[in-house]
C-alpha atoms as a PDB file:
ATOM      1  CA  MET A   1     105.593 115.239 150.330  1.00  0.00           C
ATOM      2  CA  LYS A   2     108.772 116.820 151.708  1.00  0.00           C
ATOM      3  CA  TYR A   3     110.119 113.386 152.631  1.00  0.00           C
ATOM      4  CA  THR A   4     109.492 112.070 149.095  1.00  0.00           C
ATOM      5  CA  LEU A   5     111.209 115.067 147.523  1.00  0.00           C
ATOM      6  CA  LEU A   6     114.179 114.739 149.870  1.00  0.00           C
ATOM      7  CA  LEU A   7     114.505 111.035 149.100  1.00  0.00           C
ATOM      8  CA  PHE A   8     114.434 111.758 145.348  1.00  0.00           C
ATOM      9  CA  LEU A   9     117.151 114.409 145.690  1.00  0.00           C
ATOM     10  CA  ILE A  10     119.317 112.008 147.694  1.00  0.00           C
ATOM     11  CA  ILE A  11     118.958 109.310 145.023  1.00  0.00           C
ATOM     12  CA  VAL A  12     119.818 111.752 142.212  1.00  0.00           C
ATOM     13  CA  ALA A  13     122.794 113.135 144.131  1.00  0.00           C
ATOM     14  CA  SER A  14     124.036 109.596 144.721  1.00  0.00           C
ATOM     15  CA  ALA A  15     123.843 108.814 140.980  1.00  0.00           C
ATOM     16  CA  PHE A  16     125.744 111.999 140.124  1.00  0.00           C
ATOM     17  CA  ALA A  17     128.456 111.148 142.650  1.00  0.00           C
ATOM     18  CA  GLN A  18     128.779 107.598 141.343  1.00  0.00           C
ATOM     19  CA  ASN A  19     128.973 108.704 137.695  1.00  0.00           C
ATOM     20  CA  GLY A  20     131.457 111.463 138.483  1.00  0.00           C
ATOM     21  CA  ASN A  21     134.189 108.823 138.384  1.00  0.00           C
ATOM     22  CA  LYS A  22     133.105 107.546 134.968  1.00  0.00           C
ATOM     23  CA  ILE A  23     135.857 108.889 132.693  1.00  0.00           C
ATOM     24  CA  LEU A  24     137.227 107.483 129.440  1.00  0.00           C
ATOM     25  CA  HIS A  25     140.131 109.096 127.579  1.00  0.00           C
ATOM     26  CA  LEU A  26     139.887 109.370 123.796  1.00  0.00           C
ATOM     27  CA  LYS A  27     143.208 108.764 122.033  1.00  0.00           C
ATOM     28  CA  GLU A  28     143.971 109.575 118.401  1.00  0.00           C
ATOM     29  CA  ILE A  29     145.552 107.039 116.065  1.00  0.00           C
ATOM     30  CA  GLU A  30     147.029 107.478 112.600  1.00  0.00           C
ATOM     31  CA  THR A  31     145.635 104.386 110.866  1.00  0.00           C
ATOM     32  CA  GLU A  32     142.006 103.644 110.078  1.00  0.00           C
ATOM     33  CA  ILE A  33     140.441 100.633 111.819  1.00  0.00           C
ATOM     34  CA  PHE A  34     138.832  98.011 109.592  1.00  0.00           C
ATOM     35  CA  ILE A  35     135.280  97.363 110.816  1.00  0.00           C
ATOM     36  CA  ASP A  36     134.880  93.577 110.702  1.00  0.00           C
ATOM     37  CA  GLY A  37     134.368  92.188 114.218  1.00  0.00           C
ATOM     38  CA  PHE A  38     138.051  91.295 114.623  1.00  0.00           C
ATOM     39  CA  ILE A  39     140.169  93.190 117.148  1.00  0.00           C
ATOM     40  CA  ASP A  40     142.864  95.135 115.279  1.00  0.00           C
ATOM     41  CA  ALA A  41     146.212  95.743 116.973  1.00  0.00           C
ATOM     42  CA  ALA A  42     145.361  99.460 117.148  1.00  0.00           C
ATOM     43  CA  TRP A  43     142.795  98.732 119.865  1.00  0.00           C
ATOM     44  CA  SER A  44     145.627  97.991 122.301  1.00  0.00           C
ATOM     45  CA  GLN A  45     146.277 101.760 122.411  1.00  0.00           C
ATOM     46  CA  ALA A  46     142.749 102.571 123.579  1.00  0.00           C
ATOM     47  CA  ASP A  47     141.572 103.412 127.065  1.00  0.00           C
ATOM     48  CA  SER A  48     138.936 100.922 128.207  1.00  0.00           C
ATOM     49  CA  ILE A  49     136.157 100.486 130.765  1.00  0.00           C
ATOM     50  CA  SER A  50     134.420  97.421 132.168  1.00  0.00           C
ATOM     51  CA  ASP A  51     132.720  98.739 135.309  1.00  0.00           C
ATOM     52  CA  PHE A  52     129.154  98.272 134.100  1.00  0.00           C
ATOM     53  CA  VAL A  53     126.211  98.118 136.487  1.00  0.00           C
ATOM     54  CA  GLN A  54     122.804  96.518 136.152  1.00  0.00           C
ATOM     55  CA  TYR A  55     119.812  98.751 135.627  1.00  0.00           C
ATOM     56  CA  SER A  56     117.494  95.734 135.543  1.00  0.00           C
ATOM     57  CA  PRO A  57     116.395  93.229 136.644  1.00  0.00           C
ATOM     58  CA  TYR A  58     118.579  93.626 139.759  1.00  0.00           C
ATOM     59  CA  HIS A  59     119.155  97.344 140.028  1.00  0.00           C
ATOM     60  CA  ASN A  60     122.657  98.567 140.960  1.00  0.00           C
ATOM     61  CA  THR A  61     124.194  95.092 141.115  1.00  0.00           C
ATOM     62  CA  ASP A  62     127.069  93.578 139.151  1.00  0.00           C
ATOM     63  CA  PRO A  63     126.276  92.237 135.666  1.00  0.00           C
ATOM     64  CA  SER A  64     126.067  88.486 135.133  1.00  0.00           C
ATOM     65  CA  ARG A  65     128.544  88.686 132.227  1.00  0.00           C
ATOM     66  CA  LYS A  66     131.590  90.888 131.665  1.00  0.00           C
ATOM     67  CA  THR A  67     131.574  93.653 129.024  1.00  0.00           C
ATOM     68  CA  VAL A  68     134.541  95.752 127.882  1.00  0.00           C
ATOM     69  CA  ALA A  69     134.192  98.973 125.877  1.00  0.00           C
ATOM     70  CA  LYS A  70     136.919 100.945 124.105  1.00  0.00           C
ATOM     71  CA  VAL A  71     136.942 104.138 122.035  1.00  0.00           C
ATOM     72  CA  LEU A  72     139.534 105.507 119.592  1.00  0.00           C
ATOM     73  CA  THR A  73     139.582 108.297 117.027  1.00  0.00           C
ATOM     74  CA  THR A  74     141.199 109.335 113.791  1.00  0.00           C
ATOM     75  CA  GLU A  75     140.905 112.799 112.310  1.00  0.00           C
ATOM     76  CA  GLU A  76     137.872 111.655 110.334  1.00  0.00           C
ATOM     77  CA  ALA A  77     135.886 109.362 112.638  1.00  0.00           C
ATOM     78  CA  ILE A  78     135.321 108.036 116.134  1.00  0.00           C
ATOM     79  CA  TYR A  79     135.456 104.261 116.703  1.00  0.00           C
ATOM     80  CA  CYS A  80     133.843 102.090 119.363  1.00  0.00           C
ATOM     81  CA  LEU A  81     134.670  98.484 120.283  1.00  0.00           C
ATOM     82  CA  MET A  82     132.506  96.420 122.631  1.00  0.00           C
ATOM     83  CA  ILE A  83     133.615  92.972 123.778  1.00  0.00           C
ATOM     84  CA  CYS A  84     130.711  90.992 125.237  1.00  0.00           C
ATOM     85  CA  TYR A  85     131.585  87.800 127.085  1.00  0.00           C
ATOM     86  CA  ASP A  86     128.880  85.152 127.100  1.00  0.00           C
ATOM     87  CA  THR A  87     128.001  81.517 126.508  1.00  0.00           C
ATOM     88  CA  TYR A  88     127.497  80.890 122.793  1.00  0.00           C
ATOM     89  CA  ASP A  89     124.134  79.131 123.236  1.00  0.00           C
ATOM     90  CA  GLU A  90     122.746  81.989 125.352  1.00  0.00           C
ATOM     91  CA  ILE A  91     123.327  84.689 122.689  1.00  0.00           C
ATOM     92  CA  GLN A  92     120.122  85.482 120.806  1.00  0.00           C
ATOM     93  CA  LYS A  93     121.232  85.760 117.176  1.00  0.00           C
ATOM     94  CA  ASN A  94     118.187  87.439 115.638  1.00  0.00           C
ATOM     95  CA  THR A  95     118.175  89.131 112.265  1.00  0.00           C
ATOM     96  CA  GLY A  96     116.391  92.391 111.438  1.00  0.00           C
ATOM     97  CA  MET A  97     116.658  95.667 109.583  1.00  0.00           C
ATOM     98  CA  LEU A  98     117.698  99.239 110.319  1.00  0.00           C
ATOM     99  CA  ASP A  99     115.957 100.533 113.467  1.00  0.00           C
ATOM    100  CA  ASP A 100     114.115  97.213 113.817  1.00  0.00           C
ATOM    101  CA  ASN A 101     116.189  94.564 115.516  1.00  0.00           C
ATOM    102  CA  SER A 102     116.046  92.294 118.542  1.00  0.00           C
ATOM    103  CA  GLY A 103     118.207  89.824 120.411  1.00  0.00           C
ATOM    104  CA  ASP A 104     121.495  90.637 122.126  1.00  0.00           C
ATOM    105  CA  LYS A 105     122.677  94.161 121.381  1.00  0.00           C
ATOM    106  CA  VAL A 106     124.937  96.966 122.566  1.00  0.00           C
ATOM    107  CA  SER A 107     124.708 100.759 122.360  1.00  0.00           C
ATOM    108  CA  PHE A 108     127.171 103.654 122.210  1.00  0.00           C
ATOM    109  CA  MET A 109     125.810 107.069 123.269  1.00  0.00           C
ATOM    110  CA  LEU A 110     127.330 110.550 122.947  1.00  0.00           C
ATOM    111  CA  ASP A 111     126.371 114.013 124.184  1.00  0.00           C
ATOM    112  CA  THR A 112     128.291 115.987 121.553  1.00  0.00           C
ATOM    113  CA  PHE A 113     127.105 119.444 122.644  1.00  0.00           C
ATOM    114  CA  GLY A 114     127.698 119.042 126.370  1.00  0.00           C
ATOM    115  CA  ASP A 115     124.202 120.382 127.009  1.00  0.00           C
ATOM    116  CA  LYS A 116     123.200 117.334 129.105  1.00  0.00           C
ATOM    117  CA  ARG A 117     119.884 117.292 127.254  1.00  0.00           C
ATOM    118  CA  THR A 118     120.469 115.805 123.799  1.00  0.00           C
ATOM    119  CA  GLY A 119     122.624 113.068 122.346  1.00  0.00           C
ATOM    120  CA  TYR A 120     123.153 110.370 119.738  1.00  0.00           C
ATOM    121  CA  LYS A 121     122.562 106.660 120.227  1.00  0.00           C
ATOM    122  CA  PHE A 122     124.170 104.019 118.001  1.00  0.00           C
ATOM    123  CA  ALA A 123     123.071 100.424 118.621  1.00  0.00           C
ATOM    124  CA  VAL A 124     124.220  97.162 117.026  1.00  0.00           C
ATOM    125  CA  SER A 125     122.937  93.634 117.566  1.00  0.00           C
ATOM    126  CA  ALA A 126     125.123  90.558 117.971  1.00  0.00           C
ATOM    127  CA  THR A 127     124.349  89.767 114.325  1.00  0.00           C
ATOM    128  CA  GLY A 128     125.394  93.243 113.123  1.00  0.00           C
ATOM    129  CA  VAL A 129     121.976  94.862 112.632  1.00  0.00           C
ATOM    130  CA  ARG A 130     122.149  98.617 113.273  1.00  0.00           C
ATOM    131  CA  SER A 131     119.746 101.129 114.795  1.00  0.00           C
ATOM    132  CA  ASP A 132     120.237 104.798 115.616  1.00  0.00           C
ATOM    133  CA  CYS A 133     118.325 107.719 117.044  1.00  0.00           C
ATOM    134  CA  ARG A 134     118.600 111.141 118.603  1.00  0.00           C
ATOM    135  CA  LEU A 135     118.106 111.273 122.369  1.00  0.00           C
ATOM    136  CA  LEU A 136     115.975 114.265 123.363  1.00  0.00           C
ATOM    137  CA  ASP A 137     114.765 115.920 126.551  1.00  0.00           C
ATOM    138  CA  ASP A 138     117.431 114.318 128.759  1.00  0.00           C
ATOM    139  CA  ALA A 139     116.736 110.915 127.091  1.00  0.00           C
ATOM    140  CA  ARG A 140     113.048 110.994 127.978  1.00  0.00           C
ATOM    141  CA  ASN A 141     112.276 110.880 124.243  1.00  0.00           C
ATOM    142  CA  ARG A 142     113.890 109.347 121.164  1.00  0.00           C
ATOM    143  CA  ASP A 143     113.727 110.396 117.525  1.00  0.00           C
ATOM    144  CA  TYR A 144     114.157 107.297 115.356  1.00  0.00           C
ATOM    145  CA  SER A 145     113.506 109.291 112.182  1.00  0.00           C
ATOM    146  CA  TRP A 146     117.153 110.398 112.387  1.00  0.00           C
ATOM    147  CA  ASP A 147     119.339 108.096 110.307  1.00  0.00           C
ATOM    148  CA  GLY A 148     123.035 108.859 110.257  1.00  0.00           C
ATOM    149  CA  ILE A 149     125.723 107.544 107.935  1.00  0.00           C
ATOM    150  CA  TRP A 150     127.884 105.238 110.026  1.00  0.00           C
ATOM    151  CA  PHE A 151     129.283 101.728 109.890  1.00  0.00           C
ATOM    152  CA  ALA A 152     129.262  98.655 112.110  1.00  0.00           C
ATOM    153  CA  ASP A 153     129.952  94.954 112.094  1.00  0.00           C
ATOM    154  CA  SER A 154     129.903  92.115 114.592  1.00  0.00           C
ATOM    155  CA  LYS A 155     131.261  88.622 115.033  1.00  0.00           C
ATOM    156  CA  ILE A 156     130.071  85.853 117.327  1.00  0.00           C
ATOM    157  CA  TYR A 157     132.620  83.598 119.000  1.00  0.00           C
ATOM    158  CA  ASP A 158     132.419  80.585 121.320  1.00  0.00           C
ATOM    159  CA  TRP A 159     133.071  82.914 124.266  1.00  0.00           C
ATOM    160  CA  GLY A 160     130.759  85.812 123.315  1.00  0.00           C
ATOM    161  CA  PHE A 161     130.600  88.432 120.596  1.00  0.00           C
ATOM    162  CA  ILE A 162     132.322  91.595 119.399  1.00  0.00           C
ATOM    163  CA  VAL A 163     130.790  94.753 117.946  1.00  0.00           C
ATOM    164  CA  GLU A 164     132.769  97.477 116.161  1.00  0.00           C
ATOM    165  CA  MET A 165     131.393 100.867 115.124  1.00  0.00           C
ATOM    166  CA  LYS A 166     132.718 103.748 113.051  1.00  0.00           C
ATOM    167  CA  ILE A 167     130.939 107.124 113.214  1.00  0.00           C
ATOM    168  CA  PRO A 168     132.351 109.738 110.817  1.00  0.00           C
ATOM    169  CA  TYR A 169     132.457 113.189 112.381  1.00  0.00           C
ATOM    170  CA  LYS A 170     130.822 114.628 109.259  1.00  0.00           C
ATOM    171  CA  SER A 171     127.739 112.485 110.038  1.00  0.00           C
ATOM    172  CA  ILE A 172     127.014 114.128 113.385  1.00  0.00           C
ATOM    173  CA  GLN A 173     126.780 117.628 114.765  1.00  0.00           C
ATOM    174  CA  TYR A 174     128.872 118.781 117.717  1.00  0.00           C
ATOM    175  CA  ASP A 175     130.348 121.772 119.520  1.00  0.00           C
ATOM    176  CA  GLU A 176     133.931 121.954 118.254  1.00  0.00           C
ATOM    177  CA  SER A 177     135.025 124.118 121.192  1.00  0.00           C
ATOM    178  CA  LEU A 178     134.515 121.293 123.708  1.00  0.00           C
ATOM    179  CA  THR A 179     137.328 119.199 125.147  1.00  0.00           C
ATOM    180  CA  GLU A 180     134.998 116.471 126.415  1.00  0.00           C
ATOM    181  CA  TRP A 181     131.652 114.865 125.513  1.00  0.00           C
ATOM    182  CA  GLY A 182     129.057 113.055 127.564  1.00  0.00           C
ATOM    183  CA  LEU A 183     129.321 109.271 127.191  1.00  0.00           C
ATOM    184  CA  ASP A 184     127.543 106.045 128.059  1.00  0.00           C
ATOM    185  CA  PHE A 185     127.372 102.422 126.906  1.00  0.00           C
ATOM    186  CA  ASP A 186     124.547  99.909 127.170  1.00  0.00           C
ATOM    187  CA  ARG A 187     124.226  96.141 126.763  1.00  0.00           C
ATOM    188  CA  TRP A 188     120.959  94.251 126.498  1.00  0.00           C
ATOM    189  CA  ARG A 189     120.980  90.531 127.266  1.00  0.00           C
ATOM    190  CA  PRO A 190     117.457  89.244 126.533  1.00  0.00           C
ATOM    191  CA  ILE A 191     117.888  85.688 127.823  1.00  0.00           C
ATOM    192  CA  ASN A 192     117.604  87.022 131.380  1.00  0.00           C
ATOM    193  CA  THR A 193     116.160  90.486 130.526  1.00  0.00           C
ATOM    194  CA  GLU A 194     119.383  92.057 131.780  1.00  0.00           C
ATOM    195  CA  ASP A 195     120.025  95.696 130.905  1.00  0.00           C
ATOM    196  CA  ILE A 196     123.395  97.100 131.950  1.00  0.00           C
ATOM    197  CA  TYR A 197     124.886 100.574 131.580  1.00  0.00           C
ATOM    198  CA  TRP A 198     128.294 102.049 132.228  1.00  0.00           C
ATOM    199  CA  CYS A 199     126.593 104.811 134.228  1.00  0.00           C
ATOM    200  CA  ALA A 200     124.220 104.291 137.144  1.00  0.00           C
ATOM    201  CA  TYR A 201     120.677 105.660 136.995  1.00  0.00           C
ATOM    202  CA  ASP A 202     117.766 105.961 139.355  1.00  0.00           C
ATOM    203  CA  GLU A 203     115.459 102.992 138.803  1.00  0.00           C
ATOM    204  CA  SER A 204     112.313 105.101 138.605  1.00  0.00           C
ATOM    205  CA  ALA A 205     113.769 107.829 136.355  1.00  0.00           C
ATOM    206  CA  GLY A 206     115.660 105.726 133.830  1.00  0.00           C
ATOM    207  CA  GLN A 207     118.627 106.754 131.735  1.00  0.00           C
ATOM    208  CA  ARG A 208     119.453 110.471 131.784  1.00  0.00           C
ATOM    209  CA  ILE A 209     121.954 112.315 129.584  1.00  0.00           C
ATOM    210  CA  SER A 210     122.565 114.717 132.460  1.00  0.00           C
ATOM    211  CA  GLN A 211     124.187 111.792 134.328  1.00  0.00           C
ATOM    212  CA  PHE A 212     126.441 110.554 131.512  1.00  0.00           C
ATOM    213  CA  GLY A 213     130.105 109.871 132.130  1.00  0.00           C
ATOM    214  CA  LYS A 214     132.879 111.811 130.368  1.00  0.00           C
ATOM    215  CA  LEU A 215     134.793 111.173 127.165  1.00  0.00           C
ATOM    216  CA  ILE A 216     137.955 113.273 127.510  1.00  0.00           C
ATOM    217  CA  PHE A 217     139.841 114.293 124.356  1.00  0.00           C
ATOM    218  CA  GLU A 218     143.594 113.676 124.666  1.00  0.00           C
ATOM    219  CA  ASP A 219     145.553 116.154 122.513  1.00  0.00           C
ATOM    220  CA  PHE A 220     142.733 116.003 119.979  1.00  0.00           C
ATOM    221  CA  LYS A 221     139.589 117.903 119.029  1.00  0.00           C
ATOM    222  CA  PRO A 222     137.308 116.952 116.118  1.00  0.00           C
ATOM    223  CA  ILE A 223     137.168 119.582 113.387  1.00  0.00           C
ATOM    224  CA  VAL A 224     135.601 117.729 110.446  1.00  0.00           C
ATOM    225  CA  LYS A 225     132.108 118.976 109.728  1.00  0.00           C
ATOM    226  CA  GLY A 226     129.481 117.714 107.298  1.00  0.00           C
ATOM    227  CA  LEU A 227     126.613 119.473 105.545  1.00  0.00           C
ATOM    228  CA  SER A 228     123.850 117.432 107.229  1.00  0.00           C
ATOM    229  CA  LEU A 229     122.901 116.469 103.682  1.00  0.00           C
ATOM    230  CA  GLU A 230     122.441 113.047 102.133  1.00  0.00           C
ATOM    231  CA  LEU A 231     122.589 112.502  98.348  1.00  0.00           C
ATOM    232  CA  TYR A 232     120.796 109.578  96.753  1.00  0.00           C
ATOM    233  CA  PRO A 233     121.889 109.024  93.135  1.00  0.00           C
ATOM    234  CA  PHE A 234     119.334 107.711  90.668  1.00  0.00           C
ATOM    235  CA  GLY A 235     118.996 107.339  86.931  1.00  0.00           C
ATOM    236  CA  ILE A 236     116.227 107.520  84.354  1.00  0.00           C
ATOM    237  CA  ALA A 237     116.266 105.391  81.239  1.00  0.00           C
ATOM    238  CA  LYS A 238     113.996 105.534  78.215  1.00  0.00           C
ATOM    239  CA  ALA A 239     113.785 103.128  75.332  1.00  0.00           C
ATOM    240  CA  THR A 240     111.744 103.204  72.153  1.00  0.00           C
END
């Protein structure tokens, strides 16, 4: 029993040490990015990461395909770009609907309160189908009843596909006193059941918000807040 507990603590400590170097700097830009699956010139200003690691099927090994992720912000919204290199014929181009999609997809995850327990997950398939949820209990549970107002698009190329996301700050809740958020990215490649993350996780425990990397704000802090209220306009007509 003591040996098992010690081994578990060593594995967790190793994951924390490995993810301690996972840092991405968030830079503010003046112009809004058009969400269309094309890489705007503004993305050249963004910090980027590509050091993903397999969670499965070959735990803690290099991915079979390269993935690049970038993040930028304006005063109103945070943007995410994911460039997924692949062979065109190996991309599963499935259609679907909100919170019900399959095929190749990527995810962008944020711990906006720095509590290492809760977060937001925004996922987009290679064909542009969105899904979102709240991550709860250190990502042990997910609440798919949460539907935020955000935007995404994708485009498939001969060499892979691109996903762009825009999450307005008024669509999420966050601690405005923070200078950094927890951060992770995910890519699912169903042709070989390959699941890769930016951060490394223990194979038996799975993804944990407490082991997210860091999104560091550079001379910027979000201040835009929403009312957590959605309005659905409707009309009533009557004819005699």
